[in-house]
Amino acid sequence: MENESRDILRIAQTSDNAEAGSLYETIRARIEPLGGVELDVPQRESMREPPDLSE
């Protein structure tokens, strides 16, 4: 298994097929065809007062 991992890494390092680009765009291109999920993101509230630790 170690040799196989080394071979994969060696091929990946010497391959010129990889394009430099945005990781976000690469992941999105793979996942977007599968569909998506709409998430309800709660509205942000102002920060609360920090606790008084002086006592």
C-alpha atoms as a PDB file:
ATOM      1  CA  MET A   1       0.000   0.000   0.000  1.00  0.00           C
ATOM      2  CA  GLU A   2       2.865   2.365   0.768  1.00  0.00           C
ATOM      3  CA  ASN A   3       4.394   1.776  -2.661  1.00  0.00           C
ATOM      4  CA  GLU A   4       1.065   2.454  -4.332  1.00  0.00           C
ATOM      5  CA  SER A   5       0.728   5.715  -2.384  1.00  0.00           C
ATOM      6  CA  ARG A   6       4.232   6.734  -3.402  1.00  0.00           C
ATOM      7  CA  ASP A   7       3.475   5.946  -7.044  1.00  0.00           C
ATOM      8  CA  ILE A   8       0.307   8.051  -6.942  1.00  0.00           C
ATOM      9  CA  LEU A   9       2.178  10.978  -5.397  1.00  0.00           C
ATOM     10  CA  ARG A  10       5.049  10.640  -7.862  1.00  0.00           C
ATOM     11  CA  ILE A  11       2.659  10.690 -10.824  1.00  0.00           C
ATOM     12  CA  ALA A  12       0.756  13.660  -9.388  1.00  0.00           C
ATOM     13  CA  GLN A  13       3.980  15.627  -8.927  1.00  0.00           C
ATOM     14  CA  THR A  14       5.267  14.988 -12.432  1.00  0.00           C
ATOM     15  CA  SER A  15       1.932  15.445 -14.198  1.00  0.00           C
ATOM     16  CA  ASP A  16       1.339  18.738 -15.991  1.00  0.00           C
ATOM     17  CA  ASN A  17      -2.403  18.086 -16.243  1.00  0.00           C
ATOM     18  CA  ALA A  18      -3.223  19.947 -13.049  1.00  0.00           C
ATOM     19  CA  GLU A  19      -4.190  23.570 -13.578  1.00  0.00           C
ATOM     20  CA  ALA A  20      -3.516  26.135 -10.923  1.00  0.00           C
ATOM     21  CA  GLY A  21      -6.823  27.585  -9.866  1.00  0.00           C
ATOM     22  CA  SER A  22      -9.290  28.099  -7.125  1.00  0.00           C
ATOM     23  CA  LEU A  23      -9.859  25.143  -4.830  1.00  0.00           C
ATOM     24  CA  TYR A  24     -13.383  26.445  -4.273  1.00  0.00           C
ATOM     25  CA  GLU A  25     -14.156  26.398  -7.998  1.00  0.00           C
ATOM     26  CA  THR A  26     -12.692  22.914  -8.400  1.00  0.00           C
ATOM     27  CA  ILE A  27     -14.800  21.499  -5.565  1.00  0.00           C
ATOM     28  CA  ARG A  28     -17.909  23.317  -6.746  1.00  0.00           C
ATOM     29  CA  ALA A  29     -17.496  21.967 -10.295  1.00  0.00           C
ATOM     30  CA  ARG A  30     -17.468  18.426  -8.932  1.00  0.00           C
ATOM     31  CA  ILE A  31     -20.309  18.807  -6.441  1.00  0.00           C
ATOM     32  CA  GLU A  32     -22.713  21.185  -8.214  1.00  0.00           C
ATOM     33  CA  PRO A  33     -24.076  18.577 -10.681  1.00  0.00           C
ATOM     34  CA  LEU A  34     -25.204  16.477  -7.695  1.00  0.00           C
ATOM     35  CA  GLY A  35     -27.564  19.174  -6.486  1.00  0.00           C
ATOM     36  CA  GLY A  36     -27.423  21.361  -3.469  1.00  0.00           C
ATOM     37  CA  VAL A  37     -28.867  22.119  -0.099  1.00  0.00           C
ATOM     38  CA  GLU A  38     -30.476  25.353   0.947  1.00  0.00           C
ATOM     39  CA  LEU A  39     -29.455  26.223   4.478  1.00  0.00           C
ATOM     40  CA  ASP A  40     -31.272  28.655   6.709  1.00  0.00           C
ATOM     41  CA  VAL A  41     -28.522  30.878   8.005  1.00  0.00           C
ATOM     42  CA  PRO A  42     -29.617  32.722  11.147  1.00  0.00           C
ATOM     43  CA  GLN A  43     -29.168  36.459  11.131  1.00  0.00           C
ATOM     44  CA  ARG A  44     -26.180  37.623  13.131  1.00  0.00           C
ATOM     45  CA  GLU A  45     -26.776  39.317  16.423  1.00  0.00           C
ATOM     46  CA  SER A  46     -24.616  41.868  18.150  1.00  0.00           C
ATOM     47  CA  MET A  47     -21.993  40.522  20.497  1.00  0.00           C
ATOM     48  CA  ARG A  48     -23.064  39.966  24.070  1.00  0.00           C
ATOM     49  CA  GLU A  49     -21.269  41.588  26.958  1.00  0.00           C
ATOM     50  CA  PRO A  50     -18.333  39.524  28.187  1.00  0.00           C
ATOM     51  CA  PRO A  51     -18.680  38.048  31.687  1.00  0.00           C
ATOM     52  CA  ASP A  52     -17.176  39.962  34.574  1.00  0.00           C
ATOM     53  CA  LEU A  53     -14.293  37.831  35.862  1.00  0.00           C
ATOM     54  CA  SER A  54     -12.870  40.424  38.246  1.00  0.00           C
ATOM     55  CA  GLU A  55     -14.240  38.783  41.389  1.00  0.00           C
END
